[in-house]
N, C-alpha and C. Protein backbone atom coordinates (compact mmCIF):
# COMPACT_ATOMS: atom_id res chain seq x y z
N MET A 1 89.84 107.06 113.41
CA MET A 1 91.07 105.44 113.57
C MET A 1 91.49 105.07 112.18
N SER A 2 93.07 104.58 112.81
CA SER A 2 94.37 104.65 111.76
C SER A 2 93.95 103.17 111.25
N GLN A 3 93.21 102.43 110.22
CA GLN A 3 93.91 101.42 109.77
C GLN A 3 95.75 100.59 109.61
N PRO A 4 95.14 99.32 110.39
CA PRO A 4 96.11 98.80 110.96
C PRO A 4 97.14 97.72 109.47
N THR A 5 98.70 97.96 109.95
CA THR A 5 99.37 97.85 108.51
C THR A 5 99.38 96.31 108.27
N SER A 6 98.99 96.00 106.97
CA SER A 6 99.03 94.99 106.55
C SER A 6 100.57 94.44 106.51
N ARG A 7 100.70 92.94 106.90
CA ARG A 7 101.72 92.44 107.04
C ARG A 7 101.86 90.95 105.98
N PRO A 8 103.37 91.35 105.66
CA PRO A 8 103.42 90.12 105.16
C PRO A 8 102.78 88.40 105.51
N SER A 9 102.37 87.61 104.73
CA SER A 9 101.79 86.20 105.41
C SER A 9 103.35 85.09 105.02
N THR A 10 104.49 85.03 104.61
CA THR A 10 105.67 84.72 104.77
C THR A 10 107.41 86.15 104.71
N PHE A 11 108.00 84.82 105.15
CA PHE A 11 108.87 86.00 105.47
C PHE A 11 110.22 85.86 104.18
N ASP A 12 110.13 86.24 103.35
CA ASP A 12 111.32 86.55 102.80
C ASP A 12 113.24 86.77 102.88
N PRO A 13 113.50 86.11 103.06
CA PRO A 13 115.55 86.27 103.64
C PRO A 13 115.99 87.24 102.05
N GLN A 14 115.89 86.97 101.87
CA GLN A 14 116.55 87.34 100.47
C GLN A 14 116.03 89.06 100.04
N GLU A 15 114.22 88.97 100.20
CA GLU A 15 113.56 90.42 99.78
C GLU A 15 114.27 91.30 101.07
N ARG A 16 114.24 90.69 102.85
CA ARG A 16 114.45 91.79 104.00
C ARG A 16 115.88 92.18 103.34
N GLU A 17 116.96 90.79 102.83
CA GLU A 17 118.14 91.71 102.60
C GLU A 17 118.50 92.49 101.86
N ARG A 18 117.55 92.71 100.84
CA ARG A 18 117.57 93.81 99.69
C ARG A 18 116.79 95.30 100.83
N GLU A 19 115.79 95.16 101.62
CA GLU A 19 114.96 96.13 102.10
C GLU A 19 116.30 96.48 102.97
N LYS A 20 117.32 95.76 103.65
CA LYS A 20 118.56 96.32 104.50
C LYS A 20 119.77 97.05 103.97
N GLN A 21 119.80 96.57 102.76
CA GLN A 21 120.86 97.39 101.40
C GLN A 21 120.26 98.28 101.02
N ALA A 22 118.94 98.36 100.87
CA ALA A 22 118.53 99.94 100.16
C ALA A 22 118.32 100.92 101.65
N SER A 23 118.65 100.81 102.45
CA SER A 23 118.45 101.24 103.79
C SER A 23 119.80 101.91 104.18
N ARG A 24 120.82 100.71 104.33
CA ARG A 24 122.29 101.02 104.65
C ARG A 24 122.71 101.96 103.65
N ASP A 25 122.57 101.85 101.94
CA ASP A 25 123.07 102.91 100.72
C ASP A 25 122.03 104.38 101.42
N ALA A 26 120.97 104.49 100.90
CA ALA A 26 120.35 105.46 101.38
C ALA A 26 120.76 106.01 102.64
N ASP A 27 121.45 106.08 103.83
CA ASP A 27 122.04 106.46 104.65
C ASP A 27 123.06 107.00 104.43
N GLU A 28 124.04 106.29 103.61
CA GLU A 28 125.46 106.35 103.11
C GLU A 28 124.73 107.66 101.93
N ARG A 29 123.99 107.75 101.37
CA ARG A 29 124.33 109.35 100.38
C ARG A 29 123.05 110.13 101.25
N ALA A 30 122.48 109.97 102.37
CA ALA A 30 122.59 110.90 103.37
C ALA A 30 123.29 111.68 104.25
N PHE A 31 124.23 110.94 104.14
CA PHE A 31 125.69 111.23 104.91
C PHE A 31 126.59 111.61 104.13
N ALA A 32 126.71 111.62 102.76
CA ALA A 32 127.82 112.34 102.14
C ALA A 32 126.69 113.29 101.45
N ALA A 33 126.11 113.75 102.01
CA ALA A 33 124.66 114.64 101.06
C ALA A 33 125.01 116.04 102.88
N GLY A 34 125.46 115.48 103.99
CA GLY A 34 125.33 116.17 105.00
C GLY A 34 124.80 116.24 105.78
N GLU A 35 124.51 115.51 106.39
CA GLU A 35 123.42 114.71 107.57
C GLU A 35 124.36 113.89 108.69
N SER A 36 124.27 114.52 110.12
CA SER A 36 124.64 114.06 110.45
C SER A 36 124.77 112.14 111.31
N GLY A 37 125.47 111.81 110.91
CA GLY A 37 125.60 110.29 112.20
C GLY A 37 124.91 110.51 112.96
N GLU A 38 124.70 111.46 113.70
CA GLU A 38 123.32 110.91 115.13
C GLU A 38 121.79 111.49 114.06
N SER A 39 121.75 112.14 113.37
CA SER A 39 120.60 112.39 112.87
C SER A 39 120.29 110.93 112.58
N ILE A 40 120.81 110.54 111.74
CA ILE A 40 120.82 108.96 110.50
C ILE A 40 120.57 108.09 111.57
N ASP A 41 121.33 108.23 113.06
CA ASP A 41 121.03 107.15 114.17
C ASP A 41 119.61 107.46 114.56
N ALA A 42 119.50 108.48 114.56
CA ALA A 42 117.81 108.60 115.50
C ALA A 42 117.10 108.24 114.56
N ARG A 43 116.57 108.77 113.17
CA ARG A 43 115.92 108.10 112.13
C ARG A 43 115.47 106.82 112.05
N ASN A 44 116.73 105.48 111.86
CA ASN A 44 117.03 104.42 112.28
C ASN A 44 116.29 104.43 113.52
N ALA A 45 116.38 105.18 114.31
CA ALA A 45 116.43 104.46 115.74
C ALA A 45 114.91 103.19 116.34
N PHE A 46 115.10 102.33 116.59
CA PHE A 46 113.87 101.07 116.00
C PHE A 46 112.45 101.26 116.77
N LEU A 47 112.80 101.82 118.75
CA LEU A 47 111.30 102.35 119.41
C LEU A 47 111.31 104.38 119.14
N THR A 48 111.49 104.67 118.42
CA THR A 48 110.92 106.54 118.20
C THR A 48 109.19 106.51 118.82
N ALA A 49 108.55 107.81 118.43
CA ALA A 49 107.49 108.17 118.69
C ALA A 49 106.37 107.64 117.59
N ASP A 50 106.80 108.19 116.79
CA ASP A 50 106.49 108.03 115.33
C ASP A 50 106.29 106.72 114.68
N ARG A 51 106.83 105.27 115.15
CA ARG A 51 106.89 104.46 115.28
C ARG A 51 106.41 103.53 115.99
N THR A 52 106.14 103.80 117.30
CA THR A 52 105.76 103.20 118.28
C THR A 52 104.12 102.69 118.65
N ILE A 53 103.56 102.01 118.85
CA ILE A 53 102.15 102.31 119.06
C ILE A 53 101.96 101.03 120.03
N VAL A 54 101.27 101.83 121.22
CA VAL A 54 100.23 101.37 122.68
C VAL A 54 99.52 100.45 122.48
N HIS A 55 99.55 99.56 122.57
CA HIS A 55 97.59 99.02 122.75
C HIS A 55 97.89 98.85 124.01
N TRP A 56 96.47 99.74 124.59
CA TRP A 56 96.04 99.24 125.73
C TRP A 56 94.85 98.79 125.91
N ASP A 57 94.61 98.23 126.52
CA ASP A 57 93.46 97.27 126.68
C ASP A 57 92.72 97.60 128.24
N ARG A 58 92.11 98.33 128.22
CA ARG A 58 91.14 98.96 129.33
C ARG A 58 90.98 98.33 130.77
N SER A 59 90.27 96.46 130.00
CA SER A 59 90.05 95.74 130.67
C SER A 59 90.54 95.28 131.52
N ARG A 60 92.29 95.18 131.27
CA ARG A 60 93.06 94.73 132.06
C ARG A 60 93.91 95.63 132.93
N PRO A 61 93.31 94.48 134.87
CA PRO A 61 94.26 95.33 135.89
C PRO A 61 95.57 95.80 136.24
N LEU A 62 95.89 97.13 136.13
CA LEU A 62 97.50 97.00 136.26
C LEU A 62 97.94 96.74 137.00
């Protein structure tokens, strides 16, 4: 069984902006290195199979 991901207790908008810029910079480097735009888009997709966790409560009726 996997461990739950720890989440920060506060939101720092400046830290989030740094994270977003770092992601944009990484995308630019990948594109310059020859990775396709479609591949970069797929990697950055919000709901991908490797990022989506479904919590199913069997006790709840469908």
